[in-house]
Amino acid sequence: MNHNCPAFFETAFDEGFTQEQDGYLYRFFCQDVGKLQVKTGKIVANDPFVMFETEPFEEVFPKGSFSVQLAIAQVQPLSKEEQTDDSLEPDERVALARITFSEKPVVSWKMAVWTESDLSQLGYGEFFGYSVDAGTGSFMDAEACALLEREMEKDEMFYETLTKKMDQTYKHTRSWGLIDLAESCNVAMFSTGWGDGSYASYIGYDAEGQIARLVTDFYLLDWMGTAEE
């Protein structure tokens, strides 16, 4: 099933993209996270600190090393009376995270789902997404997910390793990190929009029907009404 996804799934990663919503200006910039290693072609997106979802998406993705990028919004009130002092750090939020498999333009989108997902059961504004309970999302290969699970089970304090990595980029309301678990096995982690919630991912296809993007929307910009899982 193709989805009528908004143009900002692409344009939000362009420097200088802006959008107004509910009395606020969202000014975007693109942040490179690094290269994600995809060994099996099966990708897991989840909260890496709680690991609610460990099943990979149903789709098989290209294998290799691919760029992970974040579309980060600096959020400021349009009203001068509500604007904070210039000395304060701007409120920066990760609006979207993506893996770029190719530079070809996306001509269609499809929701990324799991094997047991039944799209026919979704109503308007509903989606299948992964749950976030620690304000963090991720992309990882299924092999990396299995390794991370084992590390978490072996050492209950392993989450501190993840935290220290993300602290290296911490600023006010967002952070990210790319952590190596083993050779050619890593996890891309990033803050999720306003924090906890449930977030959907979408697969972008080029004109030849090949996968060009995987995007997770952290619902910073409202485009489909009241979103519910």
N, C-alpha and C. Protein backbone atom coordinates (compact mmCIF):
# COMPACT_ATOMS: atom_id res chain seq x y z
N MET A 1 0.85 -1.20 0.00
CA MET A 1 0.00 0.00 0.00
C MET A 1 0.88 1.25 0.00
N ASN A 2 0.73 2.11 -1.01
CA ASN A 2 1.47 3.36 -1.06
C ASN A 2 0.82 4.39 -0.13
N HIS A 3 1.65 5.25 0.46
CA HIS A 3 1.15 6.28 1.35
C HIS A 3 1.45 7.65 0.77
N ASN A 4 0.51 8.58 0.97
CA ASN A 4 0.69 9.95 0.53
C ASN A 4 1.48 10.72 1.59
N CYS A 5 2.76 10.43 1.64
CA CYS A 5 3.62 11.05 2.65
C CYS A 5 3.96 12.48 2.24
N PRO A 6 4.21 13.34 3.20
CA PRO A 6 4.47 14.75 2.91
C PRO A 6 5.82 14.95 2.22
N ALA A 7 5.91 16.06 1.47
CA ALA A 7 7.16 16.38 0.77
C ALA A 7 8.31 16.60 1.74
N PHE A 8 8.00 17.02 2.99
CA PHE A 8 9.10 17.30 3.92
C PHE A 8 9.84 16.04 4.38
N PHE A 9 9.35 14.87 4.04
CA PHE A 9 10.14 13.66 4.30
C PHE A 9 11.48 13.74 3.57
N GLU A 10 11.53 14.53 2.49
CA GLU A 10 12.76 14.76 1.75
C GLU A 10 13.31 16.16 2.03
N THR A 11 12.46 17.17 1.92
CA THR A 11 12.94 18.56 1.97
C THR A 11 13.40 18.99 3.37
N ALA A 12 12.94 18.31 4.41
CA ALA A 12 13.37 18.67 5.76
C ALA A 12 14.86 18.44 5.95
N PHE A 13 15.47 17.64 5.09
CA PHE A 13 16.90 17.38 5.17
C PHE A 13 17.71 18.40 4.36
N ASP A 14 17.00 19.33 3.69
CA ASP A 14 17.66 20.39 2.94
C ASP A 14 17.94 21.58 3.85
N GLU A 15 19.15 22.09 3.80
CA GLU A 15 19.52 23.23 4.63
C GLU A 15 18.60 24.41 4.35
N GLY A 16 18.07 25.01 5.41
CA GLY A 16 17.24 26.20 5.27
C GLY A 16 15.75 25.93 5.15
N PHE A 17 15.34 24.67 5.14
CA PHE A 17 13.91 24.36 5.08
C PHE A 17 13.23 24.88 6.34
N THR A 18 12.10 25.55 6.19
CA THR A 18 11.36 26.08 7.33
C THR A 18 9.88 25.75 7.18
N GLN A 19 9.21 25.70 8.32
CA GLN A 19 7.76 25.51 8.32
C GLN A 19 7.19 26.14 9.58
N GLU A 20 6.01 26.75 9.43
CA GLU A 20 5.32 27.34 10.57
C GLU A 20 4.18 26.43 11.00
N GLN A 21 4.02 26.30 12.33
CA GLN A 21 2.97 25.45 12.86
C GLN A 21 2.62 25.88 14.27
N ASP A 22 1.33 26.14 14.51
CA ASP A 22 0.82 26.44 15.85
C ASP A 22 1.59 27.56 16.54
N GLY A 23 1.92 28.59 15.78
CA GLY A 23 2.59 29.75 16.37
C GLY A 23 4.09 29.61 16.55
N TYR A 24 4.66 28.58 15.95
CA TYR A 24 6.11 28.36 16.06
C TYR A 24 6.73 28.23 14.68
N LEU A 25 7.99 28.65 14.59
CA LEU A 25 8.77 28.49 13.38
C LEU A 25 9.74 27.33 13.57
N TYR A 26 9.72 26.40 12.64
CA TYR A 26 10.63 25.26 12.64
C TYR A 26 11.67 25.47 11.54
N ARG A 27 12.91 25.69 11.94
CA ARG A 27 13.99 25.91 10.99
C ARG A 27 14.91 24.69 11.02
N PHE A 28 15.06 24.02 9.88
CA PHE A 28 15.70 22.71 9.85
C PHE A 28 17.15 22.78 9.37
N PHE A 29 17.93 21.83 9.87
CA PHE A 29 19.25 21.56 9.30
C PHE A 29 19.48 20.05 9.34
N CYS A 30 20.40 19.59 8.49
CA CYS A 30 20.68 18.16 8.37
C CYS A 30 21.95 17.82 9.13
N GLN A 31 21.88 16.75 9.92
CA GLN A 31 23.02 16.28 10.70
C GLN A 31 23.40 14.87 10.28
N ASP A 32 24.63 14.69 9.86
CA ASP A 32 25.13 13.36 9.53
C ASP A 32 25.50 12.63 10.82
N VAL A 33 25.06 11.39 10.93
CA VAL A 33 25.37 10.56 12.10
C VAL A 33 26.56 9.63 11.81
N GLY A 34 26.64 9.16 10.56
CA GLY A 34 27.69 8.22 10.18
C GLY A 34 27.12 7.12 9.30
N LYS A 35 27.90 6.08 9.09
CA LYS A 35 27.52 4.98 8.22
C LYS A 35 27.01 3.79 9.03
N LEU A 36 25.81 3.35 8.71
CA LEU A 36 25.24 2.15 9.33
C LEU A 36 25.61 0.94 8.50
N GLN A 37 26.05 -0.11 9.19
CA GLN A 37 26.39 -1.36 8.51
C GLN A 37 25.15 -2.26 8.44
N VAL A 38 24.74 -2.58 7.23
CA VAL A 38 23.58 -3.45 7.03
C VAL A 38 24.11 -4.76 6.43
N LYS A 39 24.20 -5.78 7.26
CA LYS A 39 24.80 -7.05 6.82
C LYS A 39 23.78 -8.06 6.31
N THR A 40 22.62 -8.10 6.95
CA THR A 40 21.63 -9.12 6.60
C THR A 40 20.53 -8.61 5.68
N GLY A 41 20.40 -7.29 5.56
CA GLY A 41 19.30 -6.72 4.80
C GLY A 41 18.02 -6.58 5.61
N LYS A 42 18.05 -7.04 6.85
CA LYS A 42 16.89 -6.93 7.75
C LYS A 42 17.20 -5.86 8.80
N ILE A 43 16.39 -4.82 8.84
CA ILE A 43 16.65 -3.67 9.70
C ILE A 43 15.65 -3.58 10.84
N VAL A 44 16.17 -3.31 12.02
CA VAL A 44 15.36 -3.10 13.22
C VAL A 44 15.39 -1.62 13.56
N ALA A 45 14.22 -1.06 13.88
CA ALA A 45 14.12 0.30 14.41
C ALA A 45 13.42 0.19 15.76
N ASN A 46 14.05 0.73 16.80
CA ASN A 46 13.46 0.62 18.14
C ASN A 46 14.10 1.60 19.10
N ASP A 47 13.66 1.57 20.34
CA ASP A 47 14.31 2.29 21.43
C ASP A 47 15.42 1.38 21.95
N PRO A 48 16.68 1.72 21.71
CA PRO A 48 17.77 0.79 22.06
C PRO A 48 17.99 0.62 23.56
N PHE A 49 17.40 1.50 24.36
CA PHE A 49 17.58 1.39 25.80
C PHE A 49 16.60 0.42 26.45
N VAL A 50 15.45 0.21 25.80
CA VAL A 50 14.44 -0.68 26.38
C VAL A 50 14.15 -1.90 25.51
N MET A 51 14.48 -1.80 24.20
CA MET A 51 14.38 -2.95 23.29
C MET A 51 12.98 -3.58 23.28
N PHE A 52 11.93 -2.74 23.21
CA PHE A 52 10.58 -3.29 23.12
C PHE A 52 10.40 -4.09 21.83
N GLU A 53 10.89 -3.52 20.72
CA GLU A 53 10.76 -4.19 19.42
C GLU A 53 12.12 -4.69 18.97
N THR A 54 12.23 -5.98 18.74
CA THR A 54 13.47 -6.56 18.24
C THR A 54 13.27 -7.27 16.91
N GLU A 55 12.02 -7.32 16.45
CA GLU A 55 11.73 -7.93 15.15
C GLU A 55 12.07 -6.94 14.04
N PRO A 56 12.77 -7.37 13.01
CA PRO A 56 13.07 -6.46 11.90
C PRO A 56 11.83 -6.19 11.05
N PHE A 57 11.89 -5.12 10.28
CA PHE A 57 10.82 -4.85 9.34
C PHE A 57 10.71 -6.00 8.33
N GLU A 58 9.52 -6.13 7.77
CA GLU A 58 9.26 -7.21 6.82
C GLU A 58 10.10 -7.05 5.55
N GLU A 59 10.31 -5.83 5.13
CA GLU A 59 11.04 -5.56 3.89
C GLU A 59 12.51 -5.98 4.01
N VAL A 60 13.08 -6.41 2.90
CA VAL A 60 14.52 -6.70 2.83
C VAL A 60 15.20 -5.51 2.18
N PHE A 61 16.16 -4.92 2.87
CA PHE A 61 16.83 -3.71 2.41
C PHE A 61 18.17 -4.05 1.76
N PRO A 62 18.72 -3.11 0.99
CA PRO A 62 20.04 -3.34 0.42
C PRO A 62 21.09 -3.57 1.51
N LYS A 63 22.08 -4.38 1.19
CA LYS A 63 23.18 -4.63 2.13
C LYS A 63 24.35 -3.71 1.81
N GLY A 64 25.08 -3.35 2.86
CA GLY A 64 26.22 -2.48 2.67
C GLY A 64 26.36 -1.47 3.78
N SER A 65 27.05 -0.37 3.49
CA SER A 65 27.29 0.70 4.44
C SER A 65 26.57 1.95 3.95
N PHE A 66 25.64 2.48 4.75
CA PHE A 66 24.78 3.56 4.28
C PHE A 66 24.72 4.71 5.28
N SER A 67 24.58 5.92 4.75
CA SER A 67 24.55 7.12 5.57
C SER A 67 23.25 7.23 6.37
N VAL A 68 23.40 7.59 7.64
CA VAL A 68 22.27 7.92 8.50
C VAL A 68 22.30 9.42 8.75
N GLN A 69 21.16 10.05 8.55
CA GLN A 69 21.06 11.49 8.73
C GLN A 69 19.83 11.84 9.57
N LEU A 70 19.93 12.98 10.25
CA LEU A 70 18.83 13.51 11.04
C LEU A 70 18.40 14.85 10.49
N ALA A 71 17.09 15.08 10.44
CA ALA A 71 16.55 16.41 10.15
C ALA A 71 16.19 17.02 11.50
N ILE A 72 16.97 18.02 11.91
CA ILE A 72 16.80 18.62 13.23
C ILE A 72 16.19 20.00 13.08
N ALA A 73 15.17 20.27 13.87
CA ALA A 73 14.47 21.55 13.81
C ALA A 73 14.83 22.42 15.00
N GLN A 74 15.18 23.66 14.72
CA GLN A 74 15.30 24.68 15.77
C GLN A 74 13.92 25.32 15.89
N VAL A 75 13.32 25.17 17.05
CA VAL A 75 11.93 25.57 17.25
C VAL A 75 11.89 26.88 18.04
N GLN A 76 11.27 27.90 17.43
CA GLN A 76 11.17 29.21 18.07
C GLN A 76 9.77 29.77 17.90
N PRO A 77 9.25 30.46 18.92
CA PRO A 77 7.92 31.07 18.78
C PRO A 77 7.95 32.21 17.78
N LEU A 78 6.88 32.35 17.02
CA LEU A 78 6.78 33.44 16.05
C LEU A 78 6.55 34.78 16.74
N SER A 79 5.89 34.74 17.89
CA SER A 79 5.61 35.95 18.64
C SER A 79 6.87 36.44 19.36
N LYS A 80 7.25 37.68 19.15
CA LYS A 80 8.44 38.23 19.79
C LYS A 80 8.30 38.23 21.31
N GLU A 81 7.07 38.39 21.80
CA GLU A 81 6.85 38.40 23.24
C GLU A 81 7.19 37.06 23.89
N GLU A 82 7.08 35.97 23.12
CA GLU A 82 7.32 34.64 23.66
C GLU A 82 8.73 34.13 23.38
N GLN A 83 9.52 34.86 22.62
CA GLN A 83 10.86 34.42 22.29
C GLN A 83 11.77 34.48 23.51
N THR A 84 12.62 33.46 23.64
CA THR A 84 13.54 33.40 24.77
C THR A 84 14.74 34.29 24.53
N ASP A 85 15.49 34.52 25.60
CA ASP A 85 16.69 35.33 25.51
C ASP A 85 17.68 34.70 24.53
N ASP A 86 18.35 35.54 23.74
CA ASP A 86 19.28 35.03 22.74
C ASP A 86 20.43 34.25 23.35
N SER A 87 20.67 34.46 24.64
CA SER A 87 21.78 33.76 25.28
C SER A 87 21.45 32.29 25.55
N LEU A 88 20.16 31.95 25.50
CA LEU A 88 19.77 30.57 25.75
C LEU A 88 19.93 29.74 24.48
N GLU A 89 20.22 28.45 24.67
CA GLU A 89 20.32 27.56 23.53
C GLU A 89 18.94 27.39 22.90
N PRO A 90 18.87 27.34 21.56
CA PRO A 90 17.56 27.11 20.93
C PRO A 90 17.05 25.72 21.24
N ASP A 91 15.75 25.58 21.21
CA ASP A 91 15.12 24.27 21.42
C ASP A 91 15.27 23.49 20.12
N GLU A 92 16.15 22.50 20.12
CA GLU A 92 16.40 21.70 18.93
C GLU A 92 15.82 20.31 19.10
N ARG A 93 15.07 19.87 18.09
CA ARG A 93 14.39 18.58 18.16
C ARG A 93 14.65 17.78 16.89
N VAL A 94 14.88 16.48 17.07
CA VAL A 94 15.05 15.59 15.92
C VAL A 94 13.66 15.28 15.36
N ALA A 95 13.41 15.76 14.16
CA ALA A 95 12.09 15.57 13.55
C ALA A 95 12.01 14.28 12.76
N LEU A 96 13.10 13.95 12.05
CA LEU A 96 13.12 12.77 11.19
C LEU A 96 14.52 12.15 11.23
N ALA A 97 14.57 10.84 11.10
CA ALA A 97 15.83 10.13 10.94
C ALA A 97 15.72 9.28 9.69
N ARG A 98 16.81 9.18 8.93
CA ARG A 98 16.72 8.39 7.69
C ARG A 98 18.03 7.67 7.39
N ILE A 99 17.87 6.57 6.67
CA ILE A 99 18.98 5.88 6.03
C ILE A 99 18.85 6.15 4.53
N THR A 100 19.93 6.59 3.91
CA THR A 100 19.94 6.84 2.47
C THR A 100 20.63 5.68 1.77
N PHE A 101 19.86 4.91 1.02
CA PHE A 101 20.41 3.76 0.30
C PHE A 101 20.91 4.15 -1.09
N SER A 102 20.32 5.21 -1.64
CA SER A 102 20.78 5.76 -2.92
C SER A 102 20.37 7.22 -2.97
N GLU A 103 20.98 7.96 -3.91
CA GLU A 103 20.67 9.39 -4.05
C GLU A 103 19.54 9.63 -5.03
N LYS A 104 18.95 8.57 -5.56
CA LYS A 104 17.87 8.73 -6.53
C LYS A 104 16.63 9.32 -5.86
N PRO A 105 15.87 10.14 -6.57
CA PRO A 105 14.66 10.74 -6.00
C PRO A 105 13.63 9.68 -5.62
N VAL A 106 12.91 9.94 -4.55
CA VAL A 106 11.83 9.05 -4.11
C VAL A 106 10.56 9.43 -4.85
N VAL A 107 9.90 8.43 -5.44
CA VAL A 107 8.65 8.69 -6.17
C VAL A 107 7.45 8.09 -5.45
N SER A 108 7.67 7.20 -4.48
CA SER A 108 6.56 6.63 -3.73
C SER A 108 7.04 6.18 -2.36
N TRP A 109 6.11 6.14 -1.41
CA TRP A 109 6.41 5.75 -0.03
C TRP A 109 5.48 4.62 0.42
N LYS A 110 6.00 3.78 1.29
CA LYS A 110 5.20 2.72 1.90
C LYS A 110 5.58 2.61 3.37
N MET A 111 4.58 2.42 4.22
CA MET A 111 4.87 2.27 5.64
C MET A 111 5.70 1.02 5.88
N ALA A 112 6.72 1.13 6.69
CA ALA A 112 7.53 -0.03 7.06
C ALA A 112 6.79 -0.79 8.16
N VAL A 113 6.54 -2.06 7.94
CA VAL A 113 5.73 -2.84 8.88
C VAL A 113 6.44 -4.15 9.21
N TRP A 114 5.84 -4.86 10.15
CA TRP A 114 6.36 -6.16 10.57
C TRP A 114 5.49 -7.27 9.97
N THR A 115 5.96 -8.49 10.07
CA THR A 115 5.31 -9.62 9.40
C THR A 115 3.83 -9.74 9.75
N GLU A 116 3.48 -9.51 11.01
CA GLU A 116 2.10 -9.70 11.46
C GLU A 116 1.25 -8.44 11.34
N SER A 117 1.80 -7.36 10.80
CA SER A 117 1.05 -6.10 10.67
C SER A 117 -0.04 -6.24 9.61
N ASP A 118 -1.23 -5.78 9.93
CA ASP A 118 -2.36 -5.83 9.00
C ASP A 118 -2.81 -4.39 8.72
N LEU A 119 -2.35 -3.86 7.60
CA LEU A 119 -2.64 -2.47 7.26
C LEU A 119 -4.13 -2.21 7.07
N SER A 120 -4.87 -3.25 6.76
CA SER A 120 -6.31 -3.07 6.53
C SER A 120 -7.05 -2.70 7.82
N GLN A 121 -6.41 -2.92 8.96
CA GLN A 121 -7.04 -2.62 10.24
C GLN A 121 -6.82 -1.17 10.68
N LEU A 122 -6.00 -0.42 9.94
CA LEU A 122 -5.70 0.95 10.33
C LEU A 122 -6.76 1.92 9.83
N GLY A 123 -7.14 2.84 10.70
CA GLY A 123 -8.04 3.91 10.32
C GLY A 123 -7.27 5.17 10.00
N TYR A 124 -7.99 6.25 9.72
CA TYR A 124 -7.36 7.52 9.40
C TYR A 124 -6.49 7.99 10.56
N GLY A 125 -5.26 8.40 10.24
CA GLY A 125 -4.36 8.91 11.27
C GLY A 125 -3.72 7.84 12.12
N GLU A 126 -3.94 6.56 11.80
CA GLU A 126 -3.35 5.46 12.57
C GLU A 126 -2.16 4.89 11.82
N PHE A 127 -1.26 4.26 12.56
CA PHE A 127 -0.07 3.69 11.94
C PHE A 127 0.50 2.60 12.81
N PHE A 128 1.39 1.83 12.23
CA PHE A 128 2.19 0.87 12.99
C PHE A 128 3.55 1.51 13.25
N GLY A 129 3.91 1.60 14.52
CA GLY A 129 5.18 2.22 14.86
C GLY A 129 5.84 1.51 16.02
N TYR A 130 7.04 1.92 16.33
CA TYR A 130 7.73 1.34 17.49
C TYR A 130 7.61 2.26 18.70
N SER A 131 7.58 1.67 19.87
CA SER A 131 7.37 2.40 21.11
C SER A 131 8.70 2.92 21.66
N VAL A 132 8.68 4.16 22.13
CA VAL A 132 9.84 4.80 22.74
C VAL A 132 9.51 5.15 24.19
N ASP A 133 10.36 4.68 25.10
CA ASP A 133 10.15 4.93 26.53
C ASP A 133 11.35 5.63 27.17
N ALA A 134 12.43 5.79 26.39
CA ALA A 134 13.62 6.45 26.92
C ALA A 134 14.04 7.62 26.03
N GLY A 135 13.09 8.14 25.25
CA GLY A 135 13.36 9.30 24.43
C GLY A 135 14.38 9.08 23.34
N THR A 136 14.57 7.83 22.93
CA THR A 136 15.62 7.51 21.97
C THR A 136 15.13 6.50 20.94
N GLY A 137 15.50 6.71 19.68
CA GLY A 137 15.21 5.77 18.62
C GLY A 137 16.50 5.27 18.01
N SER A 138 16.39 4.34 17.07
CA SER A 138 17.60 3.79 16.47
C SER A 138 17.30 3.09 15.15
N PHE A 139 18.38 2.85 14.41
CA PHE A 139 18.41 1.92 13.29
C PHE A 139 19.53 0.94 13.56
N MET A 140 19.29 -0.34 13.25
CA MET A 140 20.36 -1.32 13.36
C MET A 140 20.01 -2.53 12.51
N ASP A 141 21.03 -3.23 12.06
CA ASP A 141 20.83 -4.50 11.37
C ASP A 141 20.34 -5.54 12.37
N ALA A 142 19.63 -6.54 11.89
CA ALA A 142 19.11 -7.59 12.78
C ALA A 142 20.23 -8.28 13.55
N GLU A 143 21.39 -8.43 12.92
CA GLU A 143 22.52 -9.06 13.61
C GLU A 143 23.02 -8.17 14.75
N ALA A 144 23.05 -6.86 14.52
CA ALA A 144 23.45 -5.93 15.58
C ALA A 144 22.44 -5.93 16.71
N CYS A 145 21.16 -6.06 16.37
CA CYS A 145 20.11 -6.10 17.39
C CYS A 145 20.29 -7.30 18.31
N ALA A 146 20.58 -8.46 17.72
CA ALA A 146 20.79 -9.67 18.51
C ALA A 146 22.00 -9.51 19.43
N LEU A 147 23.06 -8.87 18.91
CA LEU A 147 24.25 -8.66 19.71
C LEU A 147 23.98 -7.67 20.84
N LEU A 148 23.24 -6.61 20.55
CA LEU A 148 22.90 -5.64 21.59
C LEU A 148 22.05 -6.27 22.68
N GLU A 149 21.10 -7.11 22.28
CA GLU A 149 20.30 -7.83 23.27
C GLU A 149 21.17 -8.66 24.19
N ARG A 150 22.14 -9.36 23.61
CA ARG A 150 23.02 -10.20 24.43
C ARG A 150 23.85 -9.35 25.39
N GLU A 151 24.33 -8.21 24.92
CA GLU A 151 25.13 -7.33 25.77
C GLU A 151 24.29 -6.79 26.93
N MET A 152 23.04 -6.44 26.63
CA MET A 152 22.13 -5.92 27.66
C MET A 152 21.83 -7.00 28.70
N GLU A 153 21.64 -8.23 28.26
CA GLU A 153 21.35 -9.32 29.18
C GLU A 153 22.57 -9.70 30.02
N LYS A 154 23.74 -9.60 29.42
CA LYS A 154 24.98 -9.96 30.10
C LYS A 154 25.41 -8.91 31.12
N ASP A 155 25.17 -7.64 30.80
CA ASP A 155 25.60 -6.54 31.65
C ASP A 155 24.47 -5.53 31.76
N GLU A 156 23.80 -5.51 32.90
CA GLU A 156 22.64 -4.62 33.07
C GLU A 156 23.03 -3.15 33.05
N MET A 157 24.32 -2.86 33.14
CA MET A 157 24.79 -1.48 33.10
C MET A 157 25.31 -1.10 31.71
N PHE A 158 25.10 -1.97 30.74
CA PHE A 158 25.61 -1.68 29.39
C PHE A 158 24.97 -0.44 28.81
N TYR A 159 23.78 -0.10 29.27
CA TYR A 159 23.11 1.09 28.76
C TYR A 159 23.97 2.34 28.98
N GLU A 160 24.86 2.30 29.99
CA GLU A 160 25.73 3.45 30.23
C GLU A 160 26.70 3.66 29.08
N THR A 161 27.07 2.58 28.41
CA THR A 161 27.92 2.69 27.23
C THR A 161 27.21 3.47 26.13
N LEU A 162 25.92 3.18 25.96
CA LEU A 162 25.13 3.91 24.97
C LEU A 162 24.98 5.37 25.38
N THR A 163 24.71 5.61 26.64
CA THR A 163 24.51 6.96 27.14
C THR A 163 25.76 7.81 26.95
N LYS A 164 26.92 7.25 27.28
CA LYS A 164 28.18 7.99 27.14
C LYS A 164 28.43 8.38 25.69
N LYS A 165 28.08 7.48 24.77
CA LYS A 165 28.26 7.78 23.35
C LYS A 165 27.36 8.93 22.93
N MET A 166 26.12 8.91 23.36
CA MET A 166 25.19 9.98 22.98
C MET A 166 25.52 11.29 23.68
N ASP A 167 26.09 11.21 24.87
CA ASP A 167 26.46 12.43 25.60
C ASP A 167 27.52 13.24 24.86
N GLN A 168 28.26 12.60 23.97
CA GLN A 168 29.30 13.31 23.22
C GLN A 168 28.71 14.36 22.28
N THR A 169 27.44 14.21 21.92
CA THR A 169 26.78 15.16 21.02
C THR A 169 25.63 15.89 21.71
N TYR A 170 25.51 15.71 23.01
CA TYR A 170 24.35 16.26 23.74
C TYR A 170 24.30 17.78 23.64
N LYS A 171 23.14 18.30 23.35
CA LYS A 171 22.88 19.74 23.37
C LYS A 171 21.43 19.97 23.71
N HIS A 172 21.18 20.45 24.90
CA HIS A 172 19.85 20.91 25.32
C HIS A 172 18.79 19.82 25.17
N THR A 173 18.20 19.69 23.96
CA THR A 173 17.06 18.77 23.82
C THR A 173 17.28 17.70 22.76
N ARG A 174 18.55 17.41 22.44
CA ARG A 174 18.76 16.35 21.46
C ARG A 174 20.20 15.83 21.56
N SER A 175 20.39 14.61 21.07
CA SER A 175 21.72 14.01 20.97
C SER A 175 21.64 12.83 20.01
N TRP A 176 22.79 12.31 19.63
CA TRP A 176 22.83 11.15 18.75
C TRP A 176 24.18 10.46 18.92
N GLY A 177 24.27 9.25 18.38
CA GLY A 177 25.53 8.53 18.45
C GLY A 177 25.51 7.32 17.55
N LEU A 178 26.70 6.92 17.11
CA LEU A 178 26.88 5.70 16.32
C LEU A 178 27.85 4.83 17.10
N ILE A 179 27.36 3.71 17.61
CA ILE A 179 28.17 2.87 18.49
C ILE A 179 28.51 1.55 17.82
N ASP A 180 29.78 1.19 17.83
CA ASP A 180 30.25 -0.09 17.28
C ASP A 180 30.10 -1.18 18.32
N LEU A 181 29.46 -2.27 17.93
CA LEU A 181 29.29 -3.42 18.82
C LEU A 181 30.30 -4.53 18.51
N ALA A 182 30.65 -4.62 17.24
CA ALA A 182 31.63 -5.61 16.77
C ALA A 182 32.06 -5.15 15.39
N GLU A 183 32.96 -5.88 14.76
CA GLU A 183 33.39 -5.51 13.42
C GLU A 183 32.21 -5.54 12.46
N SER A 184 32.02 -4.43 11.73
CA SER A 184 30.91 -4.30 10.76
C SER A 184 29.56 -4.51 11.41
N CYS A 185 29.43 -4.08 12.65
CA CYS A 185 28.18 -4.28 13.40
C CYS A 185 27.99 -3.07 14.32
N ASN A 186 27.05 -2.17 13.97
CA ASN A 186 26.88 -0.96 14.77
C ASN A 186 25.42 -0.56 14.90
N VAL A 187 25.18 0.44 15.72
CA VAL A 187 23.83 0.94 15.99
C VAL A 187 23.84 2.46 15.89
N ALA A 188 22.89 3.02 15.12
CA ALA A 188 22.71 4.47 15.05
C ALA A 188 21.58 4.86 16.00
N MET A 189 21.88 5.76 16.94
CA MET A 189 20.90 6.16 17.97
C MET A 189 20.68 7.67 17.90
N PHE A 190 19.48 8.11 18.30
CA PHE A 190 19.16 9.53 18.21
C PHE A 190 17.95 9.85 19.08
N SER A 191 17.88 11.09 19.54
CA SER A 191 16.72 11.55 20.30
C SER A 191 15.49 11.54 19.41
N THR A 192 14.32 11.41 20.03
CA THR A 192 13.07 11.28 19.26
C THR A 192 12.14 12.46 19.52
N GLY A 193 12.16 13.43 18.63
CA GLY A 193 11.20 14.53 18.65
C GLY A 193 10.99 15.17 20.01
N TRP A 194 9.73 15.10 20.48
CA TRP A 194 9.40 15.64 21.79
C TRP A 194 9.67 14.64 22.91
N GLY A 195 10.07 13.41 22.56
CA GLY A 195 10.38 12.42 23.60
C GLY A 195 9.70 11.08 23.35
N ASP A 196 9.07 10.56 24.40
CA ASP A 196 8.46 9.23 24.32
C ASP A 196 7.21 9.24 23.44
N GLY A 197 6.87 8.07 22.93
CA GLY A 197 5.69 7.94 22.09
C GLY A 197 5.80 6.71 21.20
N SER A 198 5.05 6.72 20.13
CA SER A 198 5.10 5.64 19.14
C SER A 198 5.31 6.28 17.78
N TYR A 199 6.29 5.75 17.04
CA TYR A 199 6.71 6.43 15.82
C TYR A 199 6.79 5.46 14.64
N ALA A 200 6.24 5.91 13.51
CA ALA A 200 6.20 5.09 12.30
C ALA A 200 7.41 5.36 11.42
N SER A 201 7.74 4.36 10.62
CA SER A 201 8.81 4.47 9.63
C SER A 201 8.23 4.23 8.24
N TYR A 202 8.89 4.80 7.24
CA TYR A 202 8.39 4.71 5.86
C TYR A 202 9.55 4.41 4.92
N ILE A 203 9.26 3.60 3.91
CA ILE A 203 10.25 3.21 2.91
C ILE A 203 9.99 4.00 1.65
N GLY A 204 11.03 4.66 1.14
CA GLY A 204 10.92 5.43 -0.09
C GLY A 204 11.52 4.67 -1.26
N TYR A 205 10.77 4.62 -2.37
CA TYR A 205 11.19 3.87 -3.55
C TYR A 205 11.47 4.84 -4.71
N ASP A 206 12.48 4.50 -5.52
CA ASP A 206 12.78 5.31 -6.69
C ASP A 206 11.88 4.90 -7.86
N ALA A 207 12.11 5.52 -9.01
CA ALA A 207 11.25 5.28 -10.18
C ALA A 207 11.34 3.85 -10.68
N GLU A 208 12.42 3.14 -10.33
CA GLU A 208 12.58 1.76 -10.76
C GLU A 208 12.10 0.77 -9.72
N GLY A 209 11.49 1.27 -8.65
CA GLY A 209 10.96 0.41 -7.61
C GLY A 209 12.00 -0.09 -6.63
N GLN A 210 13.19 0.53 -6.65
CA GLN A 210 14.25 0.13 -5.73
C GLN A 210 14.20 1.00 -4.47
N ILE A 211 14.61 0.44 -3.34
CA ILE A 211 14.59 1.19 -2.08
C ILE A 211 15.66 2.26 -2.07
N ALA A 212 15.25 3.49 -1.82
CA ALA A 212 16.18 4.62 -1.76
C ALA A 212 16.32 5.21 -0.36
N ARG A 213 15.26 5.10 0.46
CA ARG A 213 15.30 5.68 1.81
C ARG A 213 14.54 4.79 2.80
N LEU A 214 14.91 4.92 4.06
CA LEU A 214 14.10 4.47 5.19
C LEU A 214 14.04 5.64 6.15
N VAL A 215 12.83 6.15 6.41
CA VAL A 215 12.65 7.36 7.22
C VAL A 215 11.76 7.05 8.42
N THR A 216 12.17 7.49 9.60
CA THR A 216 11.30 7.45 10.77
C THR A 216 10.85 8.88 11.07
N ASP A 217 9.54 9.05 11.22
CA ASP A 217 8.93 10.35 11.49
C ASP A 217 8.62 10.47 12.98
N PHE A 218 9.22 11.46 13.64
CA PHE A 218 8.98 11.65 15.07
C PHE A 218 7.88 12.66 15.34
N TYR A 219 7.08 12.87 14.34
CA TYR A 219 5.80 13.60 14.45
C TYR A 219 5.96 15.00 15.04
N LEU A 220 7.04 15.67 14.65
CA LEU A 220 7.22 17.06 15.04
C LEU A 220 6.28 17.96 14.25
N LEU A 221 6.14 17.63 12.96
CA LEU A 221 5.24 18.37 12.09
C LEU A 221 3.99 17.53 11.85
N ASP A 222 2.85 18.14 12.11
CA ASP A 222 1.57 17.43 12.01
C ASP A 222 1.13 17.37 10.54
N TRP A 223 0.96 16.15 10.03
CA TRP A 223 0.55 16.02 8.62
C TRP A 223 -0.59 15.03 8.43
N MET A 224 -1.00 14.32 9.49
CA MET A 224 -2.09 13.35 9.29
C MET A 224 -3.06 13.35 10.45
N GLY A 225 -3.26 14.53 11.06
CA GLY A 225 -4.23 14.62 12.13
C GLY A 225 -3.70 13.99 13.41
N THR A 226 -4.57 13.46 14.21
CA THR A 226 -4.19 12.84 15.48
C THR A 226 -3.63 11.47 15.20
N ALA A 227 -2.34 11.31 15.41
CA ALA A 227 -1.69 10.02 15.11
C ALA A 227 -1.85 9.07 16.27
N GLU A 228 -2.23 7.85 15.95
CA GLU A 228 -2.35 6.81 16.98
C GLU A 228 -1.77 5.54 16.43
N GLU A 229 -1.18 4.74 17.32
CA GLU A 229 -0.64 3.45 16.89
C GLU A 229 -1.80 2.49 16.64
